[in-house]
C-alpha cells in the first residue's frame, strides 16, 4: 500500500501568488493609533479600578484607596501623540 501512495506524484502549485498589500490612509493610521492609545489607558484604568475595589472591599484595610478617574479625551490624545512620535521616529 505504501508503494502505491509513494508513487503518486505530488501536485505542485505553479501559479504565482501576488500578495495584495493593503495600505491605509493617513486618517486610518491616525485612528488606529488613537484606538491603541485609548485601549492602553482603558486597560490601565481597569487594573487600577479593580485593585482599588478589591482593597476597599477588604474589611481589614482601614485606609481606603481612591478610585481612579476614567481617562479623558485629552489624556488619550496625549498618549496617541507619544505613540505616534515613537512610530514616526527614525531611531
PDB file of N, CA and C in Angstrom:
ATOM      1  N   UNK A   1       0.814  -1.183   0.000  1.00  0.00           N
ATOM      2  CA  UNK A   1       0.000   0.000   0.000  1.00  0.00           C
ATOM      3  C   UNK A   1       0.863   1.253   0.000  1.00  0.00           C
ATOM      4  N   UNK A   2       1.959   1.236   0.784  1.00  0.00           N
ATOM      5  CA  UNK A   2       2.809   2.419   0.846  1.00  0.00           C
ATOM      6  C   UNK A   2       3.500   2.677  -0.485  1.00  0.00           C
ATOM      7  N   UNK A   3       3.748   1.605  -1.251  1.00  0.00           N
ATOM      8  CA  UNK A   3       4.369   1.788  -2.559  1.00  0.00           C
ATOM      9  C   UNK A   3       3.413   2.505  -3.501  1.00  0.00           C
ATOM     10  N   UNK A   4       2.150   2.188  -3.389  1.00  0.00           N
ATOM     11  CA  UNK A   4       1.169   2.835  -4.259  1.00  0.00           C
ATOM     12  C   UNK A   4       1.061   4.317  -3.907  1.00  0.00           C
ATOM     13  N   UNK A   5       0.948   4.614  -2.622  1.00  0.00           N
ATOM     14  CA  UNK A   5       0.844   6.018  -2.208  1.00  0.00           C
ATOM     15  C   UNK A   5       2.142   6.772  -2.468  1.00  0.00           C
ATOM     16  N   UNK A   6       3.239   6.063  -2.322  1.00  0.00           N
ATOM     17  CA  UNK A   6       4.518   6.718  -2.548  1.00  0.00           C
ATOM     18  C   UNK A   6       4.762   7.043  -4.011  1.00  0.00           C
ATOM     19  N   UNK A   7       4.063   6.337  -4.909  1.00  0.00           N
ATOM     20  CA  UNK A   7       4.303   6.575  -6.322  1.00  0.00           C
ATOM     21  C   UNK A   7       3.410   7.665  -6.908  1.00  0.00           C
ATOM     22  N   UNK A   8       2.477   8.158  -6.101  1.00  0.00           N
ATOM     23  CA  UNK A   8       1.607   9.219  -6.604  1.00  0.00           C
ATOM     24  C   UNK A   8       2.396  10.525  -6.610  1.00  0.00           C
ATOM     25  N   UNK A   9       2.537  11.135  -7.771  1.00  0.00           N
ATOM     26  CA  UNK A   9       3.298  12.382  -7.806  1.00  0.00           C
ATOM     27  C   UNK A   9       2.537  13.502  -7.101  1.00  0.00           C
ATOM     28  N   UNK A  10       3.272  14.288  -6.386  1.00  0.00           N
ATOM     29  CA  UNK A  10       2.672  15.439  -5.715  1.00  0.00           C
ATOM     30  C   UNK A  10       2.410  16.535  -6.725  1.00  0.00           C
ATOM     31  N   UNK A  11       1.292  17.127  -6.578  1.00  0.00           N
ATOM     32  CA  UNK A  11       0.990  18.246  -7.457  1.00  0.00           C
ATOM     33  C   UNK A  11       1.596  19.502  -6.859  1.00  0.00           C
ATOM     34  N   UNK A  12       2.240  20.233  -7.690  1.00  0.00           N
ATOM     35  CA  UNK A  12       2.850  21.475  -7.238  1.00  0.00           C
ATOM     36  C   UNK A  12       2.044  22.645  -7.751  1.00  0.00           C
ATOM     37  N   UNK A  13       1.959  23.608  -6.935  1.00  0.00           N
ATOM     38  CA  UNK A  13       1.247  24.824  -7.329  1.00  0.00           C
ATOM     39  C   UNK A  13       2.220  25.693  -8.108  1.00  0.00           C
ATOM     40  N   UNK A  14       1.998  25.775  -9.398  1.00  0.00           N
ATOM     41  CA  UNK A  14       2.915  26.548 -10.234  1.00  0.00           C
ATOM     42  C   UNK A  14       2.449  27.981 -10.434  1.00  0.00           C
ATOM     43  N   UNK A  15       1.283  28.276  -9.872  1.00  0.00           N
ATOM     44  CA  UNK A  15       0.802  29.644 -10.013  1.00  0.00           C
ATOM     45  C   UNK A  15       1.557  30.541  -9.044  1.00  0.00           C
ATOM     46  N   UNK A  16       1.831  31.727  -9.487  1.00  0.00           N
ATOM     47  CA  UNK A  16       2.472  32.684  -8.583  1.00  0.00           C
ATOM     48  C   UNK A  16       1.378  33.472  -7.878  1.00  0.00           C
ATOM     49  N   UNK A  17       1.590  33.650  -6.624  1.00  0.00           N
ATOM     50  CA  UNK A  17       0.614  34.385  -5.818  1.00  0.00           C
ATOM     51  C   UNK A  17       1.099  35.813  -5.646  1.00  0.00           C
ATOM     52  N   UNK A  18       0.245  36.724  -5.989  1.00  0.00           N
ATOM     53  CA  UNK A  18       0.557  38.122  -5.741  1.00  0.00           C
ATOM     54  C   UNK A  18      -0.151  38.524  -4.459  1.00  0.00           C
ATOM     55  N   UNK A  19       0.619  38.991  -3.529  1.00  0.00           N
ATOM     56  CA  UNK A  19       0.029  39.437  -2.278  1.00  0.00           C
ATOM     57  C   UNK A  19      -0.522  40.834  -2.472  1.00  0.00           C
ATOM     58  N   UNK A  20      -1.718  40.989  -2.016  1.00  0.00           N
ATOM     59  CA  UNK A  20      -2.300  42.321  -2.062  1.00  0.00           C
ATOM     60  C   UNK A  20      -1.855  43.054  -0.813  1.00  0.00           C
ATOM     61  N   UNK A  21      -1.223  44.153  -1.022  1.00  0.00           N
ATOM     62  CA  UNK A  21      -0.776  44.964   0.092  1.00  0.00           C
ATOM     63  C   UNK A  21      -1.843  46.015   0.345  1.00  0.00           C
ATOM     64  N   UNK A  22      -2.444  45.906   1.503  1.00  0.00           N
ATOM     65  CA  UNK A  22      -3.481  46.852   1.860  1.00  0.00           C
ATOM     66  C   UNK A  22      -2.814  48.047   2.537  1.00  0.00           C
ATOM     67  N   UNK A  23      -2.950  49.174   1.952  1.00  0.00           N
ATOM     68  CA  UNK A  23      -2.398  50.366   2.559  1.00  0.00           C
ATOM     69  C   UNK A  23      -3.527  51.166   3.181  1.00  0.00           C
ATOM     70  N   UNK A  24      -3.234  51.762   4.274  1.00  0.00           N
ATOM     71  CA  UNK A  24      -4.222  52.579   4.965  1.00  0.00           C
ATOM     72  C   UNK A  24      -3.943  54.040   4.690  1.00  0.00           C
ATOM     73  N   UNK A  25      -4.989  54.795   4.711  1.00  0.00           N
ATOM     74  CA  UNK A  25      -4.835  56.239   4.531  1.00  0.00           C
ATOM     75  C   UNK A  25      -4.245  56.815   5.812  1.00  0.00           C
ATOM     76  N   UNK A  26      -3.702  58.007   5.735  1.00  0.00           N
ATOM     77  CA  UNK A  26      -3.190  58.648   6.961  1.00  0.00           C
ATOM     78  C   UNK A  26      -4.270  58.783   8.042  1.00  0.00           C
ATOM     79  N   UNK A  27      -5.501  58.998   7.621  1.00  0.00           N
ATOM     80  CA  UNK A  27      -6.592  59.106   8.594  1.00  0.00           C
ATOM     81  C   UNK A  27      -6.829  57.777   9.303  1.00  0.00           C
ATOM     82  N   UNK A  28      -6.778  56.684   8.545  1.00  0.00           N
ATOM     83  CA  UNK A  28      -6.956  55.366   9.144  1.00  0.00           C
ATOM     84  C   UNK A  28      -5.809  55.025  10.084  1.00  0.00           C
ATOM     85  N   UNK A  29      -4.596  55.405   9.711  1.00  0.00           N
ATOM     86  CA  UNK A  29      -3.443  55.168  10.581  1.00  0.00           C
ATOM     87  C   UNK A  29      -3.565  55.965  11.876  1.00  0.00           C
ATOM     88  N   UNK A  30      -3.977  57.211  11.756  1.00  0.00           N
ATOM     89  CA  UNK A  30      -4.146  58.045  12.950  1.00  0.00           C
ATOM     90  C   UNK A  30      -5.213  57.453  13.861  1.00  0.00           C
ATOM     91  N   UNK A  31      -6.299  56.956  13.246  1.00  0.00           N
ATOM     92  CA  UNK A  31      -7.366  56.370  14.053  1.00  0.00           C
ATOM     93  C   UNK A  31      -6.894  55.094  14.737  1.00  0.00           C
ATOM     94  N   UNK A  32      -6.066  54.296  14.066  1.00  0.00           N
ATOM     95  CA  UNK A  32      -5.514  53.088  14.680  1.00  0.00           C
ATOM     96  C   UNK A  32      -4.655  53.459  15.893  1.00  0.00           C
ATOM     97  N   UNK A  33      -3.865  54.503  15.757  1.00  0.00           N
ATOM     98  CA  UNK A  33      -3.036  54.958  16.875  1.00  0.00           C
ATOM     99  C   UNK A  33      -3.925  55.457  18.009  1.00  0.00           C
ATOM    100  N   UNK A  34      -4.983  56.184  17.666  1.00  0.00           N
ATOM    101  CA  UNK A  34      -5.930  56.662  18.675  1.00  0.00           C
ATOM    102  C   UNK A  34      -6.564  55.487  19.420  1.00  0.00           C
ATOM    103  N   UNK A  35      -7.002  54.466  18.694  1.00  0.00           N
ATOM    104  CA  UNK A  35      -7.613  53.301  19.328  1.00  0.00           C
ATOM    105  C   UNK A  35      -6.620  52.589  20.241  1.00  0.00           C
ATOM    106  N   UNK A  36      -5.367  52.506  19.812  1.00  0.00           N
ATOM    107  CA  UNK A  36      -4.350  51.862  20.641  1.00  0.00           C
ATOM    108  C   UNK A  36      -4.122  52.654  21.925  1.00  0.00           C
ATOM    109  N   UNK A  37      -4.058  53.966  21.813  1.00  0.00           N
ATOM    110  CA  UNK A  37      -3.866  54.811  22.991  1.00  0.00           C
ATOM    111  C   UNK A  37      -5.044  54.660  23.954  1.00  0.00           C
ATOM    112  N   UNK A  38      -6.262  54.679  23.405  1.00  0.00           N
ATOM    113  CA  UNK A  38      -7.448  54.505  24.238  1.00  0.00           C
ATOM    114  C   UNK A  38      -7.415  53.147  24.941  1.00  0.00           C
ATOM    115  N   UNK A  39      -7.068  52.112  24.206  1.00  0.00           N
ATOM    116  CA  UNK A  39      -7.021  50.773  24.771  1.00  0.00           C
ATOM    117  C   UNK A  39      -6.000  50.680  25.903  1.00  0.00           C
ATOM    118  N   UNK A  40      -4.843  51.274  25.703  1.00  0.00           N
ATOM    119  CA  UNK A  40      -3.803  51.234  26.738  1.00  0.00           C
ATOM    120  C   UNK A  40      -4.282  51.918  28.013  1.00  0.00           C
ATOM    121  N   UNK A  41      -4.869  53.107  27.872  1.00  0.00           N
ATOM    122  CA  UNK A  41      -5.328  53.847  29.048  1.00  0.00           C
ATOM    123  C   UNK A  41      -6.534  53.169  29.688  1.00  0.00           C
ATOM    124  N   UNK A  42      -7.399  52.587  28.886  1.00  0.00           N
ATOM    125  CA  UNK A  42      -8.553  51.872  29.425  1.00  0.00           C
ATOM    126  C   UNK A  42      -8.107  50.645  30.219  1.00  0.00           C
ATOM    127  N   UNK A  43      -7.128  49.913  29.694  1.00  0.00           N
ATOM    128  CA  UNK A  43      -6.596  48.751  30.414  1.00  0.00           C
ATOM    129  C   UNK A  43      -5.986  49.176  31.751  1.00  0.00           C
ATOM    130  N   UNK A  44      -5.228  50.260  31.720  1.00  0.00           N
ATOM    131  CA  UNK A  44      -4.617  50.768  32.953  1.00  0.00           C
ATOM    132  C   UNK A  44      -5.698  51.174  33.956  1.00  0.00           C
ATOM    133  N   UNK A  45      -6.743  51.843  33.464  1.00  0.00           N
ATOM    134  CA  UNK A  45      -7.857  52.239  34.328  1.00  0.00           C
ATOM    135  C   UNK A  45      -8.507  51.022  34.971  1.00  0.00           C
ATOM    136  N   UNK A  46      -8.780  50.002  34.170  1.00  0.00           N
ATOM    137  CA  UNK A  46      -9.455  48.800  34.680  1.00  0.00           C
ATOM    138  C   UNK A  46      -8.640  48.105  35.759  1.00  0.00           C
ATOM    139  N   UNK A  47      -7.339  48.009  35.557  1.00  0.00           N
ATOM    140  CA  UNK A  47      -6.481  47.372  36.554  1.00  0.00           C
ATOM    141  C   UNK A  47      -6.475  48.183  37.846  1.00  0.00           C
ATOM    142  N   UNK A  48      -6.345  49.497  37.726  1.00  0.00           N
ATOM    143  CA  UNK A  48      -6.316  50.356  38.909  1.00  0.00           C
ATOM    144  C   UNK A  48      -7.656  50.337  39.634  1.00  0.00           C
ATOM    145  N   UNK A  49      -8.750  50.351  38.870  1.00  0.00           N
ATOM    146  CA  UNK A  49     -10.088  50.316  39.463  1.00  0.00           C
ATOM    147  C   UNK A  49     -10.312  49.002  40.209  1.00  0.00           C
ATOM    148  N   UNK A  50      -9.940  47.887  39.580  1.00  0.00           N
ATOM    149  CA  UNK A  50     -10.116  46.585  40.228  1.00  0.00           C
ATOM    150  C   UNK A  50      -9.260  46.458  41.481  1.00  0.00           C
ATOM    151  N   UNK A  51      -8.063  47.016  41.432  1.00  0.00           N
ATOM    152  CA  UNK A  51      -7.191  46.993  42.604  1.00  0.00           C
ATOM    153  C   UNK A  51      -7.818  47.775  43.751  1.00  0.00           C
ATOM    154  N   UNK A  52      -8.328  48.969  43.440  1.00  0.00           N
ATOM    155  CA  UNK A  52      -8.968  49.796  44.467  1.00  0.00           C
ATOM    156  C   UNK A  52     -10.218  49.109  45.015  1.00  0.00           C
ATOM    157  N   UNK A  53     -11.011  48.490  44.137  1.00  0.00           N
ATOM    158  CA  UNK A  53     -12.232  47.815  44.571  1.00  0.00           C
ATOM    159  C   UNK A  53     -11.909  46.654  45.513  1.00  0.00           C
ATOM    160  N   UNK A  54     -10.919  45.858  45.137  1.00  0.00           N
ATOM    161  CA  UNK A  54     -10.529  44.730  45.993  1.00  0.00           C
ATOM    162  C   UNK A  54      -9.983  45.220  47.334  1.00  0.00           C
ATOM    163  N   UNK A  55      -9.185  46.249  47.293  1.00  0.00           N
ATOM    164  CA  UNK A  55      -8.612  46.808  48.515  1.00  0.00           C
ATOM    165  C   UNK A  55      -9.711  47.348  49.424  1.00  0.00           C
ATOM    166  N   UNK A  56     -10.636  48.111  48.848  1.00  0.00           N
ATOM    167  CA  UNK A  56     -11.699  48.732  49.632  1.00  0.00           C
ATOM    168  C   UNK A  56     -12.718  47.716  50.141  1.00  0.00           C
ATOM    169  N   UNK A  57     -12.904  46.612  49.428  1.00  0.00           N
ATOM    170  CA  UNK A  57     -13.842  45.578  49.865  1.00  0.00           C
ATOM    171  C   UNK A  57     -13.299  44.756  51.026  1.00  0.00           C
ATOM    172  N   UNK A  58     -11.988  44.793  51.218  1.00  0.00           N
ATOM    173  CA  UNK A  58     -11.365  44.054  52.313  1.00  0.00           C
ATOM    174  C   UNK A  58     -11.592  44.834  53.606  1.00  0.00           C
ATOM    175  N   UNK A  59     -12.362  44.268  54.506  1.00  0.00           N
ATOM    176  CA  UNK A  59     -12.740  44.966  55.737  1.00  0.00           C
ATOM    177  C   UNK A  59     -11.565  45.225  56.669  1.00  0.00           C
ATOM    178  N   UNK A  60     -10.466  44.486  56.513  1.00  0.00           N
ATOM    179  CA  UNK A  60      -9.321  44.689  57.406  1.00  0.00           C
ATOM    180  C   UNK A  60      -8.525  45.936  57.035  1.00  0.00           C
ATOM    181  N   UNK A  61      -8.714  46.459  55.818  1.00  0.00           N
ATOM    182  CA  UNK A  61      -8.000  47.669  55.409  1.00  0.00           C
ATOM    183  C   UNK A  61      -8.762  48.891  55.913  1.00  0.00           C
ATOM    184  N   UNK A  62      -8.142  49.605  56.837  1.00  0.00           N
ATOM    185  CA  UNK A  62      -8.821  50.782  57.401  1.00  0.00           C
ATOM    186  C   UNK A  62      -8.655  52.003  56.507  1.00  0.00           C
ATOM    187  N   UNK A  63      -7.570  52.064  55.773  1.00  0.00           N
ATOM    188  CA  UNK A  63      -7.344  53.174  54.848  1.00  0.00           C
ATOM    189  C   UNK A  63      -7.864  52.732  53.483  1.00  0.00           C
ATOM    190  N   UNK A  64      -8.752  53.516  52.916  1.00  0.00           N
ATOM    191  CA  UNK A  64      -9.360  53.169  51.641  1.00  0.00           C
ATOM    192  C   UNK A  64      -8.632  53.873  50.502  1.00  0.00           C
ATOM    193  N   UNK A  65      -8.587  53.199  49.357  1.00  0.00           N
ATOM    194  CA  UNK A  65      -7.960  53.764  48.155  1.00  0.00           C
ATOM    195  C   UNK A  65      -8.998  54.574  47.392  1.00  0.00           C
ATOM    196  N   UNK A  66      -8.533  55.624  46.748  1.00  0.00           N
ATOM    197  CA  UNK A  66      -9.407  56.384  45.862  1.00  0.00           C
ATOM    198  C   UNK A  66      -9.550  55.640  44.550  1.00  0.00           C
ATOM    199  N   UNK A  67     -10.752  55.698  43.995  1.00  0.00           N
ATOM    200  CA  UNK A  67     -10.976  55.098  42.686  1.00  0.00           C
ATOM    201  C   UNK A  67     -10.421  56.031  41.613  1.00  0.00           C
ATOM    202  N   UNK A  68      -9.847  55.459  40.572  1.00  0.00           N
ATOM    203  CA  UNK A  68      -9.273  56.317  39.516  1.00  0.00           C
ATOM    204  C   UNK A  68     -10.377  56.958  38.677  1.00  0.00           C
ATOM    205  N   UNK A  69     -10.011  58.034  38.024  1.00  0.00           N
ATOM    206  CA  UNK A  69     -10.930  58.668  37.087  1.00  0.00           C
ATOM    207  C   UNK A  69     -10.692  58.062  35.717  1.00  0.00           C
ATOM    208  N   UNK A  70     -11.775  57.939  34.953  1.00  0.00           N
ATOM    209  CA  UNK A  70     -11.667  57.391  33.610  1.00  0.00           C
ATOM    210  C   UNK A  70     -10.844  58.341  32.750  1.00  0.00           C
ATOM    211  N   UNK A  71     -10.010  57.832  31.844  1.00  0.00           N
ATOM    212  CA  UNK A  71      -9.169  58.700  31.012  1.00  0.00           C
ATOM    213  C   UNK A  71     -10.004  59.692  30.185  1.00  0.00           C
ATOM    214  N   UNK A  72      -9.520  60.904  30.159  1.00  0.00           N
ATOM    215  CA  UNK A  72     -10.191  61.940  29.380  1.00  0.00           C
ATOM    216  C   UNK A  72      -9.708  61.881  27.929  1.00  0.00           C
ATOM    217  N   UNK A  73     -10.421  62.569  27.070  1.00  0.00           N
ATOM    218  CA  UNK A  73     -10.018  62.654  25.671  1.00  0.00           C
ATOM    219  C   UNK A  73      -8.641  63.298  25.559  1.00  0.00           C
ATOM    220  N   UNK A  74      -8.395  64.284  26.382  1.00  0.00           N
ATOM    221  CA  UNK A  74      -7.091  64.964  26.359  1.00  0.00           C
ATOM    222  C   UNK A  74      -5.959  63.984  26.685  1.00  0.00           C
ATOM    223  N   UNK A  75      -6.176  63.113  27.660  1.00  0.00           N
ATOM    224  CA  UNK A  75      -5.166  62.121  28.026  1.00  0.00           C
ATOM    225  C   UNK A  75      -4.967  61.098  26.910  1.00  0.00           C
ATOM    226  N   UNK A  76      -6.060  60.703  26.272  1.00  0.00           N
ATOM    227  CA  UNK A  76      -5.959  59.740  25.167  1.00  0.00           C
ATOM    228  C   UNK A  76      -5.186  60.362  24.014  1.00  0.00           C
ATOM    229  N   UNK A  77      -5.472  61.616  23.700  1.00  0.00           N
ATOM    230  CA  UNK A  77      -4.760  62.290  22.606  1.00  0.00           C
ATOM    231  C   UNK A  77      -3.270  62.451  22.931  1.00  0.00           C
ATOM    232  N   UNK A  78      -2.965  62.722  24.175  1.00  0.00           N
ATOM    233  CA  UNK A  78      -1.556  62.834  24.580  1.00  0.00           C
ATOM    234  C   UNK A  78      -0.845  61.496  24.425  1.00  0.00           C
ATOM    235  N   UNK A  79      -1.507  60.414  24.847  1.00  0.00           N
ATOM    236  CA  UNK A  79      -0.925  59.080  24.691  1.00  0.00           C
ATOM    237  C   UNK A  79      -0.752  58.723  23.218  1.00  0.00           C
ATOM    238  N   UNK A  80      -1.737  59.095  22.399  1.00  0.00           N
ATOM    239  CA  UNK A  80      -1.644  58.835  20.958  1.00  0.00           C
ATOM    240  C   UNK A  80      -0.469  59.592  20.352  1.00  0.00           C
ATOM    241  N   UNK A  81      -0.228  60.797  20.828  1.00  0.00           N
ATOM    242  CA  UNK A  81       0.909  61.578  20.326  1.00  0.00           C
ATOM    243  C   UNK A  81       2.225  60.909  20.701  1.00  0.00           C
ATOM    244  N   UNK A  82       2.297  60.367  21.892  1.00  0.00           N
ATOM    245  CA  UNK A  82       3.504  59.661  22.319  1.00  0.00           C
ATOM    246  C   UNK A  82       3.750  58.442  21.430  1.00  0.00           C
ATOM    247  N   UNK A  83       2.685  57.681  21.162  1.00  0.00           N
ATOM    248  CA  UNK A  83       2.811  56.516  20.288  1.00  0.00           C
ATOM    249  C   UNK A  83       3.221  56.943  18.884  1.00  0.00           C
ATOM    250  N   UNK A  84       2.585  57.984  18.370  1.00  0.00           N
ATOM    251  CA  UNK A  84       2.898  58.466  17.024  1.00  0.00           C
ATOM    252  C   UNK A  84       4.344  58.933  16.923  1.00  0.00           C
ATOM    253  N   UNK A  85       4.818  59.641  17.939  1.00  0.00           N
ATOM    254  CA  UNK A  85       6.214  60.087  17.936  1.00  0.00           C
ATOM    255  C   UNK A  85       7.166  58.900  17.897  1.00  0.00           C
ATOM    256  N   UNK A  86       6.839  57.865  18.647  1.00  0.00           N
ATOM    257  CA  UNK A  86       7.688  56.674  18.653  1.00  0.00           C
ATOM    258  C   UNK A  86       7.666  55.989  17.290  1.00  0.00           C
ATOM    259  N   UNK A  87       6.481  55.818  16.737  1.00  0.00           N
ATOM    260  CA  UNK A  87       6.347  55.136  15.448  1.00  0.00           C
ATOM    261  C   UNK A  87       7.021  55.932  14.344  1.00  0.00           C
ATOM    262  N   UNK A  88       6.924  57.255  14.404  1.00  0.00           N
ATOM    263  CA  UNK A  88       7.452  58.095  13.353  1.00  0.00           C
ATOM    264  C   UNK A  88       8.948  58.361  13.453  1.00  0.00           C
ATOM    265  N   UNK A  89       9.537  58.056  14.605  1.00  0.00           N
ATOM    266  CA  UNK A  89      10.962  58.345  14.787  1.00  0.00           C
ATOM    267  C   UNK A  89      11.802  57.415  13.926  1.00  0.00           C
ATOM    268  N   UNK A  90      12.926  57.917  13.497  1.00  0.00           N
ATOM    269  CA  UNK A  90      13.820  57.123  12.647  1.00  0.00           C
ATOM    270  C   UNK A  90      14.901  56.408  13.461  1.00  0.00           C
ATOM    271  N   UNK A  91      14.853  56.526  14.756  1.00  0.00           N
ATOM    272  CA  UNK A  91      15.868  55.898  15.610  1.00  0.00           C
ATOM    273  C   UNK A  91      15.505  54.499  15.944  1.00  0.00           C
TER     274      UNK A  91
END
